[in-house]
């Protein structure tokens, strides 16, 4: 099993912490986000780790990992960053955003999934979001799951909580026939986009497509995306207010959504 960490982001909303380092190298509770992820992967027996860099890649110095670079990081988004590492996308591949941290038990639930497409979703998202945002719906996105546990909609803006059965955390696994389909489908989508229209999201250039745009497209293609439910056990570091909040809660021993030592 392999891991690919998407760590090209600049983290503008984390300034001044990211004035001179990329988002993934911000220290949270004394250790960089990227080092925490690498440590968790290794503790789970995953040593084949690739990191895709972008902004201030010279500041990333994690040892014994493979590096790829998205030299267009400032004009592209997650999908394009992922496919910078297409040469290692074979077998079973866990993909993680570079601005999250997660506990070992969260990763192990994903590792144990036998589905071709597996997406980690936090069922206890609302309590966590209420801590971060005055109005959780300002940031939350849609996520609908059918009675068999497969995602039917993801990543859309919502007006009410009924459209949210969990929150996608930026951690997923592609494997087997599903991974092979994904690689071929991406190339087909790219060819279509050369005609001037983005088949993933018509209001964006293809290169700026979100990962959730791609996941929704896979659903439209009748791919079965298995929801891997968790109840917290992770954090997203998106803004300077996130950083201040997490450090404060950690210092007060009241950070109930994630345990750095778990």
C-alpha atoms as a PDB file:
ATOM      1  CA  UNK A   1       0.000   0.000   0.000  1.00  0.00           C
ATOM      2  CA  UNK A   2       1.177   3.507  -0.885  1.00  0.00           C
ATOM      3  CA  UNK A   3       0.445   6.985   0.415  1.00  0.00           C
ATOM      4  CA  UNK A   4       0.389  10.229  -1.551  1.00  0.00           C
ATOM      5  CA  UNK A   5       0.267  13.489   0.398  1.00  0.00           C
ATOM      6  CA  UNK A   6      -0.907  16.589  -1.459  1.00  0.00           C
ATOM      7  CA  UNK A   7       1.350  19.242   0.052  1.00  0.00           C
ATOM      8  CA  UNK A   8       1.624  21.909  -2.632  1.00  0.00           C
ATOM      9  CA  UNK A   9      -0.553  24.504  -0.890  1.00  0.00           C
ATOM     10  CA  UNK A  10       0.572  27.975   0.102  1.00  0.00           C
ATOM     11  CA  UNK A  11      -1.843  28.475   2.979  1.00  0.00           C
ATOM     12  CA  UNK A  12      -2.590  32.171   2.482  1.00  0.00           C
ATOM     13  CA  UNK A  13      -5.200  32.156   5.257  1.00  0.00           C
ATOM     14  CA  UNK A  14      -2.550  30.919   7.687  1.00  0.00           C
ATOM     15  CA  UNK A  15      -0.294  33.931   7.280  1.00  0.00           C
ATOM     16  CA  UNK A  16       1.982  35.007   8.881  1.00  0.00           C
ATOM     17  CA  UNK A  17       2.754  31.356   9.715  1.00  0.00           C
ATOM     18  CA  UNK A  18       3.135  30.596   6.007  1.00  0.00           C
ATOM     19  CA  UNK A  19       5.081  33.669   4.945  1.00  0.00           C
ATOM     20  CA  UNK A  20       8.206  31.559   4.470  1.00  0.00           C
ATOM     21  CA  UNK A  21       7.044  27.930   4.721  1.00  0.00           C
ATOM     22  CA  UNK A  22       4.331  25.898   2.988  1.00  0.00           C
ATOM     23  CA  UNK A  23       1.095  25.086   4.759  1.00  0.00           C
ATOM     24  CA  UNK A  24       2.110  21.483   5.408  1.00  0.00           C
ATOM     25  CA  UNK A  25       5.173  22.567   7.385  1.00  0.00           C
ATOM     26  CA  UNK A  26       3.281  24.627   9.955  1.00  0.00           C
ATOM     27  CA  UNK A  27       3.971  23.231  13.421  1.00  0.00           C
ATOM     28  CA  UNK A  28       0.879  22.142  15.301  1.00  0.00           C
ATOM     29  CA  UNK A  29       1.518  21.063  18.901  1.00  0.00           C
ATOM     30  CA  UNK A  30       5.235  21.207  18.152  1.00  0.00           C
ATOM     31  CA  UNK A  31       5.367  18.998  15.043  1.00  0.00           C
ATOM     32  CA  UNK A  32       4.699  19.917  11.412  1.00  0.00           C
ATOM     33  CA  UNK A  33       1.492  18.687   9.802  1.00  0.00           C
ATOM     34  CA  UNK A  34       3.508  16.784   7.231  1.00  0.00           C
ATOM     35  CA  UNK A  35       5.728  15.040   9.759  1.00  0.00           C
ATOM     36  CA  UNK A  36       2.646  13.991  11.759  1.00  0.00           C
ATOM     37  CA  UNK A  37       1.121  12.418   8.664  1.00  0.00           C
ATOM     38  CA  UNK A  38       4.314  10.617   7.692  1.00  0.00           C
ATOM     39  CA  UNK A  39       4.672   9.293  11.253  1.00  0.00           C
ATOM     40  CA  UNK A  40       1.094   7.961  11.281  1.00  0.00           C
ATOM     41  CA  UNK A  41       1.530   6.267   7.921  1.00  0.00           C
ATOM     42  CA  UNK A  42       4.717   4.583   9.095  1.00  0.00           C
ATOM     43  CA  UNK A  43       3.132   3.475  12.368  1.00  0.00           C
ATOM     44  CA  UNK A  44       0.468   1.786  10.251  1.00  0.00           C
ATOM     45  CA  UNK A  45       3.070  -0.057   8.179  1.00  0.00           C
ATOM     46  CA  UNK A  46       2.917   2.226   5.126  1.00  0.00           C
ATOM     47  CA  UNK A  47       6.440   3.190   4.160  1.00  0.00           C
ATOM     48  CA  UNK A  48       5.955   3.904   0.442  1.00  0.00           C
ATOM     49  CA  UNK A  49       5.127   7.595   0.841  1.00  0.00           C
ATOM     50  CA  UNK A  50       5.115  10.280  -1.851  1.00  0.00           C
ATOM     51  CA  UNK A  51       4.824  13.985  -1.132  1.00  0.00           C
ATOM     52  CA  UNK A  52       3.756  16.415  -3.845  1.00  0.00           C
ATOM     53  CA  UNK A  53       5.250  19.822  -3.187  1.00  0.00           C
ATOM     54  CA  UNK A  54       4.606  23.296  -4.573  1.00  0.00           C
ATOM     55  CA  UNK A  55       4.970  26.546  -2.630  1.00  0.00           C
ATOM     56  CA  UNK A  56       8.329  26.836  -0.827  1.00  0.00           C
ATOM     57  CA  UNK A  57       9.249  23.239  -1.554  1.00  0.00           C
ATOM     58  CA  UNK A  58      12.770  24.070  -0.397  1.00  0.00           C
ATOM     59  CA  UNK A  59      11.432  24.154   3.160  1.00  0.00           C
ATOM     60  CA  UNK A  60      10.231  20.547   3.101  1.00  0.00           C
ATOM     61  CA  UNK A  61      12.878  18.194   4.439  1.00  0.00           C
ATOM     62  CA  UNK A  62      11.134  14.986   5.517  1.00  0.00           C
ATOM     63  CA  UNK A  63      13.500  12.058   5.092  1.00  0.00           C
ATOM     64  CA  UNK A  64      12.903   8.741   3.301  1.00  0.00           C
ATOM     65  CA  UNK A  65       9.945   9.843   1.199  1.00  0.00           C
ATOM     66  CA  UNK A  66       9.585  10.267  -2.561  1.00  0.00           C
ATOM     67  CA  UNK A  67       9.024  13.793  -3.848  1.00  0.00           C
ATOM     68  CA  UNK A  68       7.095  15.127  -6.808  1.00  0.00           C
ATOM     69  CA  UNK A  69       6.633  18.809  -7.584  1.00  0.00           C
ATOM     70  CA  UNK A  70       3.690  20.757  -8.951  1.00  0.00           C
ATOM     71  CA  UNK A  71       5.434  23.734 -10.523  1.00  0.00           C
ATOM     72  CA  UNK A  72       2.040  25.256 -11.325  1.00  0.00           C
ATOM     73  CA  UNK A  73       0.821  25.080  -7.728  1.00  0.00           C
ATOM     74  CA  UNK A  74      -0.300  28.713  -7.792  1.00  0.00           C
ATOM     75  CA  UNK A  75      -2.648  28.212 -10.765  1.00  0.00           C
ATOM     76  CA  UNK A  76      -3.921  24.667 -10.108  1.00  0.00           C
ATOM     77  CA  UNK A  77      -5.820  22.745  -7.457  1.00  0.00           C
ATOM     78  CA  UNK A  78      -5.902  19.320  -5.777  1.00  0.00           C
ATOM     79  CA  UNK A  79      -6.752  17.198  -8.821  1.00  0.00           C
ATOM     80  CA  UNK A  80      -3.824  18.460 -10.843  1.00  0.00           C
ATOM     81  CA  UNK A  81      -1.529  18.147  -7.842  1.00  0.00           C
ATOM     82  CA  UNK A  82      -2.513  14.492  -7.388  1.00  0.00           C
ATOM     83  CA  UNK A  83      -1.740  13.588 -10.985  1.00  0.00           C
ATOM     84  CA  UNK A  84       1.771  14.995 -10.684  1.00  0.00           C
ATOM     85  CA  UNK A  85       2.428  11.616  -9.033  1.00  0.00           C
ATOM     86  CA  UNK A  86       0.566   9.477 -11.583  1.00  0.00           C
ATOM     87  CA  UNK A  87       3.633   7.290 -12.115  1.00  0.00           C
ATOM     88  CA  UNK A  88       3.252   5.812  -8.612  1.00  0.00           C
ATOM     89  CA  UNK A  89      -0.528   5.470  -8.766  1.00  0.00           C
ATOM     90  CA  UNK A  90      -0.854   1.708  -8.889  1.00  0.00           C
ATOM     91  CA  UNK A  91      -2.103  -1.058  -6.633  1.00  0.00           C
ATOM     92  CA  UNK A  92      -3.638   0.516  -3.538  1.00  0.00           C
ATOM     93  CA  UNK A  93      -3.094   4.229  -2.922  1.00  0.00           C
ATOM     94  CA  UNK A  94      -4.148   6.375   0.023  1.00  0.00           C
ATOM     95  CA  UNK A  95      -4.415  10.064  -0.844  1.00  0.00           C
ATOM     96  CA  UNK A  96      -4.338  12.723   1.856  1.00  0.00           C
ATOM     97  CA  UNK A  97      -4.599  16.477   1.841  1.00  0.00           C
ATOM     98  CA  UNK A  98      -1.511  18.070   3.350  1.00  0.00           C
ATOM     99  CA  UNK A  99      -3.398  20.364   5.717  1.00  0.00           C
ATOM    100  CA  UNK A 100      -4.993  17.709   7.933  1.00  0.00           C
ATOM    101  CA  UNK A 101      -3.865  15.494  10.789  1.00  0.00           C
ATOM    102  CA  UNK A 102      -5.574  12.273  11.820  1.00  0.00           C
ATOM    103  CA  UNK A 103      -5.292   9.551  14.404  1.00  0.00           C
ATOM    104  CA  UNK A 104      -3.999   6.069  13.652  1.00  0.00           C
ATOM    105  CA  UNK A 105      -7.438   4.505  14.184  1.00  0.00           C
ATOM    106  CA  UNK A 106      -8.869   6.774  11.454  1.00  0.00           C
ATOM    107  CA  UNK A 107      -6.215   5.647   8.995  1.00  0.00           C
ATOM    108  CA  UNK A 108      -6.667   1.990   9.926  1.00  0.00           C
ATOM    109  CA  UNK A 109     -10.391   2.125   9.137  1.00  0.00           C
ATOM    110  CA  UNK A 110      -9.506   3.331   5.656  1.00  0.00           C
ATOM    111  CA  UNK A 111      -6.755   0.749   5.202  1.00  0.00           C
ATOM    112  CA  UNK A 112      -9.199  -2.059   6.037  1.00  0.00           C
ATOM    113  CA  UNK A 113     -11.715  -1.084   3.354  1.00  0.00           C
ATOM    114  CA  UNK A 114     -11.915  -3.488   0.403  1.00  0.00           C
ATOM    115  CA  UNK A 115     -13.782  -1.097  -1.905  1.00  0.00           C
ATOM    116  CA  UNK A 116     -12.163   0.382  -4.991  1.00  0.00           C
ATOM    117  CA  UNK A 117     -13.083   3.892  -3.860  1.00  0.00           C
ATOM    118  CA  UNK A 118     -13.136   4.682  -0.132  1.00  0.00           C
ATOM    119  CA  UNK A 119     -13.704   8.139   1.330  1.00  0.00           C
ATOM    120  CA  UNK A 120     -13.350   9.022   5.031  1.00  0.00           C
ATOM    121  CA  UNK A 121     -16.281  11.069   6.360  1.00  0.00           C
ATOM    122  CA  UNK A 122     -16.773  12.516   9.832  1.00  0.00           C
ATOM    123  CA  UNK A 123     -20.268  11.737  11.135  1.00  0.00           C
ATOM    124  CA  UNK A 124     -19.703  13.928  14.199  1.00  0.00           C
ATOM    125  CA  UNK A 125     -18.750  16.914  12.073  1.00  0.00           C
ATOM    126  CA  UNK A 126     -21.351  19.355  13.410  1.00  0.00           C
ATOM    127  CA  UNK A 127     -19.936  19.599  16.919  1.00  0.00           C
ATOM    128  CA  UNK A 128     -16.455  20.177  15.500  1.00  0.00           C
ATOM    129  CA  UNK A 129     -17.658  22.772  12.987  1.00  0.00           C
ATOM    130  CA  UNK A 130     -19.570  24.663  15.695  1.00  0.00           C
ATOM    131  CA  UNK A 131     -16.288  25.106  17.537  1.00  0.00           C
ATOM    132  CA  UNK A 132     -14.626  26.606  14.451  1.00  0.00           C
ATOM    133  CA  UNK A 133     -17.378  28.669  12.844  1.00  0.00           C
ATOM    134  CA  UNK A 134     -20.115  31.003  14.131  1.00  0.00           C
ATOM    135  CA  UNK A 135     -22.408  29.434  11.522  1.00  0.00           C
ATOM    136  CA  UNK A 136     -21.251  25.915  10.529  1.00  0.00           C
ATOM    137  CA  UNK A 137     -23.279  26.017   7.304  1.00  0.00           C
ATOM    138  CA  UNK A 138     -21.086  28.846   5.996  1.00  0.00           C
ATOM    139  CA  UNK A 139     -18.270  26.334   5.483  1.00  0.00           C
ATOM    140  CA  UNK A 140     -19.908  22.881   5.447  1.00  0.00           C
ATOM    141  CA  UNK A 141     -20.547  21.015   2.189  1.00  0.00           C
ATOM    142  CA  UNK A 142     -23.086  18.447   1.110  1.00  0.00           C
ATOM    143  CA  UNK A 143     -22.563  14.757   1.709  1.00  0.00           C
ATOM    144  CA  UNK A 144     -25.296  12.208   1.135  1.00  0.00           C
ATOM    145  CA  UNK A 145     -24.920   8.475   1.758  1.00  0.00           C
ATOM    146  CA  UNK A 146     -27.307   5.754   0.602  1.00  0.00           C
ATOM    147  CA  UNK A 147     -28.579   2.886   2.732  1.00  0.00           C
ATOM    148  CA  UNK A 148     -25.709   0.688   1.551  1.00  0.00           C
ATOM    149  CA  UNK A 149     -23.095   3.152   2.758  1.00  0.00           C
ATOM    150  CA  UNK A 150     -22.102   4.661  -0.596  1.00  0.00           C
ATOM    151  CA  UNK A 151     -21.808   8.384  -1.263  1.00  0.00           C
ATOM    152  CA  UNK A 152     -24.358   9.839  -3.682  1.00  0.00           C
ATOM    153  CA  UNK A 153     -23.425  13.537  -3.429  1.00  0.00           C
ATOM    154  CA  UNK A 154     -20.415  15.402  -2.090  1.00  0.00           C
ATOM    155  CA  UNK A 155     -18.866  18.848  -1.909  1.00  0.00           C
ATOM    156  CA  UNK A 156     -21.750  21.149  -2.839  1.00  0.00           C
ATOM    157  CA  UNK A 157     -22.793  24.293  -0.990  1.00  0.00           C
ATOM    158  CA  UNK A 158     -25.854  23.711   1.190  1.00  0.00           C
ATOM    159  CA  UNK A 159     -28.591  25.799   2.790  1.00  0.00           C
ATOM    160  CA  UNK A 160     -29.706  23.357   5.457  1.00  0.00           C
ATOM    161  CA  UNK A 161     -28.201  20.609   7.556  1.00  0.00           C
ATOM    162  CA  UNK A 162     -30.428  17.914   6.020  1.00  0.00           C
ATOM    163  CA  UNK A 163     -28.053  17.723   3.053  1.00  0.00           C
ATOM    164  CA  UNK A 164     -25.132  16.788   5.294  1.00  0.00           C
ATOM    165  CA  UNK A 165     -24.724  13.232   6.567  1.00  0.00           C
ATOM    166  CA  UNK A 166     -21.047  13.780   7.377  1.00  0.00           C
ATOM    167  CA  UNK A 167     -18.078  15.832   6.223  1.00  0.00           C
ATOM    168  CA  UNK A 168     -15.391  14.702   3.822  1.00  0.00           C
ATOM    169  CA  UNK A 169     -12.049  15.153   5.574  1.00  0.00           C
ATOM    170  CA  UNK A 170      -9.597  15.003   2.649  1.00  0.00           C
ATOM    171  CA  UNK A 171      -8.504  11.388   3.150  1.00  0.00           C
ATOM    172  CA  UNK A 172      -9.363   8.627   0.671  1.00  0.00           C
ATOM    173  CA  UNK A 173      -8.174   5.415  -0.959  1.00  0.00           C
ATOM    174  CA  UNK A 174      -8.204   4.302  -4.593  1.00  0.00           C
ATOM    175  CA  UNK A 175      -7.308   0.765  -5.564  1.00  0.00           C
ATOM    176  CA  UNK A 176      -7.723  -2.080  -8.031  1.00  0.00           C
ATOM    177  CA  UNK A 177      -9.954  -1.553 -11.043  1.00  0.00           C
ATOM    178  CA  UNK A 178     -11.181   1.697  -9.547  1.00  0.00           C
ATOM    179  CA  UNK A 179      -7.717   3.221  -9.600  1.00  0.00           C
ATOM    180  CA  UNK A 180      -7.142   2.125 -13.185  1.00  0.00           C
ATOM    181  CA  UNK A 181     -10.480   3.647 -14.198  1.00  0.00           C
ATOM    182  CA  UNK A 182      -9.613   6.873 -12.376  1.00  0.00           C
ATOM    183  CA  UNK A 183      -6.338   7.298 -14.261  1.00  0.00           C
ATOM    184  CA  UNK A 184      -7.907   6.670 -17.661  1.00  0.00           C
ATOM    185  CA  UNK A 185     -10.921   8.819 -16.864  1.00  0.00           C
ATOM    186  CA  UNK A 186      -8.717  11.729 -15.837  1.00  0.00           C
ATOM    187  CA  UNK A 187      -6.949  11.638 -19.190  1.00  0.00           C
ATOM    188  CA  UNK A 188     -10.321  11.546 -20.983  1.00  0.00           C
ATOM    189  CA  UNK A 189     -11.518  14.527 -18.961  1.00  0.00           C
ATOM    190  CA  UNK A 190      -8.359  16.453 -19.733  1.00  0.00           C
ATOM    191  CA  UNK A 191      -8.827  15.884 -23.464  1.00  0.00           C
ATOM    192  CA  UNK A 192     -12.423  17.086 -23.262  1.00  0.00           C
ATOM    193  CA  UNK A 193     -11.325  20.188 -21.350  1.00  0.00           C
ATOM    194  CA  UNK A 194      -8.931  21.107 -24.159  1.00  0.00           C
ATOM    195  CA  UNK A 195     -12.043  21.947 -26.163  1.00  0.00           C
ATOM    196  CA  UNK A 196     -12.656  24.871 -23.816  1.00  0.00           C
ATOM    197  CA  UNK A 197     -15.212  23.479 -21.357  1.00  0.00           C
ATOM    198  CA  UNK A 198     -14.367  21.896 -18.023  1.00  0.00           C
ATOM    199  CA  UNK A 199     -16.434  18.693 -17.666  1.00  0.00           C
ATOM    200  CA  UNK A 200     -15.814  18.622 -13.911  1.00  0.00           C
ATOM    201  CA  UNK A 201     -16.913  22.148 -13.062  1.00  0.00           C
ATOM    202  CA  UNK A 202     -18.093  24.528 -15.806  1.00  0.00           C
ATOM    203  CA  UNK A 203     -17.390  27.651 -13.744  1.00  0.00           C
ATOM    204  CA  UNK A 204     -13.705  26.814 -13.289  1.00  0.00           C
ATOM    205  CA  UNK A 205     -10.742  26.099 -15.557  1.00  0.00           C
ATOM    206  CA  UNK A 206      -9.995  22.368 -15.585  1.00  0.00           C
ATOM    207  CA  UNK A 207      -6.715  22.909 -13.750  1.00  0.00           C
ATOM    208  CA  UNK A 208      -8.553  24.511 -10.819  1.00  0.00           C
ATOM    209  CA  UNK A 209     -11.050  21.669 -10.330  1.00  0.00           C
ATOM    210  CA  UNK A 210     -11.628  20.611  -6.755  1.00  0.00           C
ATOM    211  CA  UNK A 211     -11.163  17.035  -5.590  1.00  0.00           C
ATOM    212  CA  UNK A 212     -14.870  16.938  -4.756  1.00  0.00           C
ATOM    213  CA  UNK A 213     -15.604  17.864  -8.390  1.00  0.00           C
ATOM    214  CA  UNK A 214     -13.730  14.730  -9.412  1.00  0.00           C
ATOM    215  CA  UNK A 215     -15.453  12.590  -6.784  1.00  0.00           C
ATOM    216  CA  UNK A 216     -18.881  13.806  -7.882  1.00  0.00           C
ATOM    217  CA  UNK A 217     -17.966  13.009 -11.467  1.00  0.00           C
ATOM    218  CA  UNK A 218     -16.993   9.473 -10.453  1.00  0.00           C
ATOM    219  CA  UNK A 219     -20.439   9.107  -8.854  1.00  0.00           C
ATOM    220  CA  UNK A 220     -22.019  10.279 -12.127  1.00  0.00           C
ATOM    221  CA  UNK A 221     -19.951   7.606 -13.900  1.00  0.00           C
ATOM    222  CA  UNK A 222     -21.621   4.982 -11.651  1.00  0.00           C
ATOM    223  CA  UNK A 223     -18.518   4.392  -9.553  1.00  0.00           C
ATOM    224  CA  UNK A 224     -19.323   3.305  -6.002  1.00  0.00           C
ATOM    225  CA  UNK A 225     -17.624   5.530  -3.435  1.00  0.00           C
ATOM    226  CA  UNK A 226     -17.715   3.840  -0.051  1.00  0.00           C
ATOM    227  CA  UNK A 227     -18.136   6.163   2.919  1.00  0.00           C
ATOM    228  CA  UNK A 228     -15.749   5.265   5.751  1.00  0.00           C
ATOM    229  CA  UNK A 229     -17.454   6.795   8.802  1.00  0.00           C
ATOM    230  CA  UNK A 230     -15.540   8.183  11.753  1.00  0.00           C
ATOM    231  CA  UNK A 231     -16.483  10.248  14.797  1.00  0.00           C
ATOM    232  CA  UNK A 232     -13.844  12.976  14.910  1.00  0.00           C
ATOM    233  CA  UNK A 233     -10.203  11.927  15.392  1.00  0.00           C
ATOM    234  CA  UNK A 234      -8.826  14.487  12.942  1.00  0.00           C
ATOM    235  CA  UNK A 235      -8.253  18.220  12.435  1.00  0.00           C
ATOM    236  CA  UNK A 236      -8.134  20.516   9.429  1.00  0.00           C
ATOM    237  CA  UNK A 237      -5.761  23.468   9.663  1.00  0.00           C
ATOM    238  CA  UNK A 238      -7.145  26.030   7.247  1.00  0.00           C
ATOM    239  CA  UNK A 239      -6.898  29.451   8.895  1.00  0.00           C
ATOM    240  CA  UNK A 240      -4.935  31.305  11.526  1.00  0.00           C
ATOM    241  CA  UNK A 241      -8.044  31.170  13.727  1.00  0.00           C
ATOM    242  CA  UNK A 242      -7.951  27.356  13.468  1.00  0.00           C
ATOM    243  CA  UNK A 243      -4.348  27.381  14.627  1.00  0.00           C
ATOM    244  CA  UNK A 244      -5.041  29.696  17.556  1.00  0.00           C
ATOM    245  CA  UNK A 245      -8.079  27.671  18.606  1.00  0.00           C
ATOM    246  CA  UNK A 246      -6.348  24.277  18.463  1.00  0.00           C
ATOM    247  CA  UNK A 247      -3.299  25.444  20.358  1.00  0.00           C
ATOM    248  CA  UNK A 248      -5.488  27.039  23.031  1.00  0.00           C
ATOM    249  CA  UNK A 249      -7.636  23.916  23.466  1.00  0.00           C
ATOM    250  CA  UNK A 250      -4.567  21.685  23.507  1.00  0.00           C
ATOM    251  CA  UNK A 251      -2.877  23.796  26.183  1.00  0.00           C
ATOM    252  CA  UNK A 252      -6.063  23.614  28.253  1.00  0.00           C
ATOM    253  CA  UNK A 253      -6.289  19.819  27.785  1.00  0.00           C
ATOM    254  CA  UNK A 254      -9.735  20.310  26.237  1.00  0.00           C
ATOM    255  CA  UNK A 255      -9.111  19.375  22.599  1.00  0.00           C
ATOM    256  CA  UNK A 256     -11.773  16.687  22.344  1.00  0.00           C
ATOM    257  CA  UNK A 257     -11.870  16.236  18.559  1.00  0.00           C
ATOM    258  CA  UNK A 258      -8.343  14.880  18.096  1.00  0.00           C
ATOM    259  CA  UNK A 259      -5.631  13.356  20.262  1.00  0.00           C
ATOM    260  CA  UNK A 260      -2.052  14.089  19.079  1.00  0.00           C
ATOM    261  CA  UNK A 261      -0.854  10.952  20.858  1.00  0.00           C
ATOM    262  CA  UNK A 262      -3.488   8.517  19.527  1.00  0.00           C
END
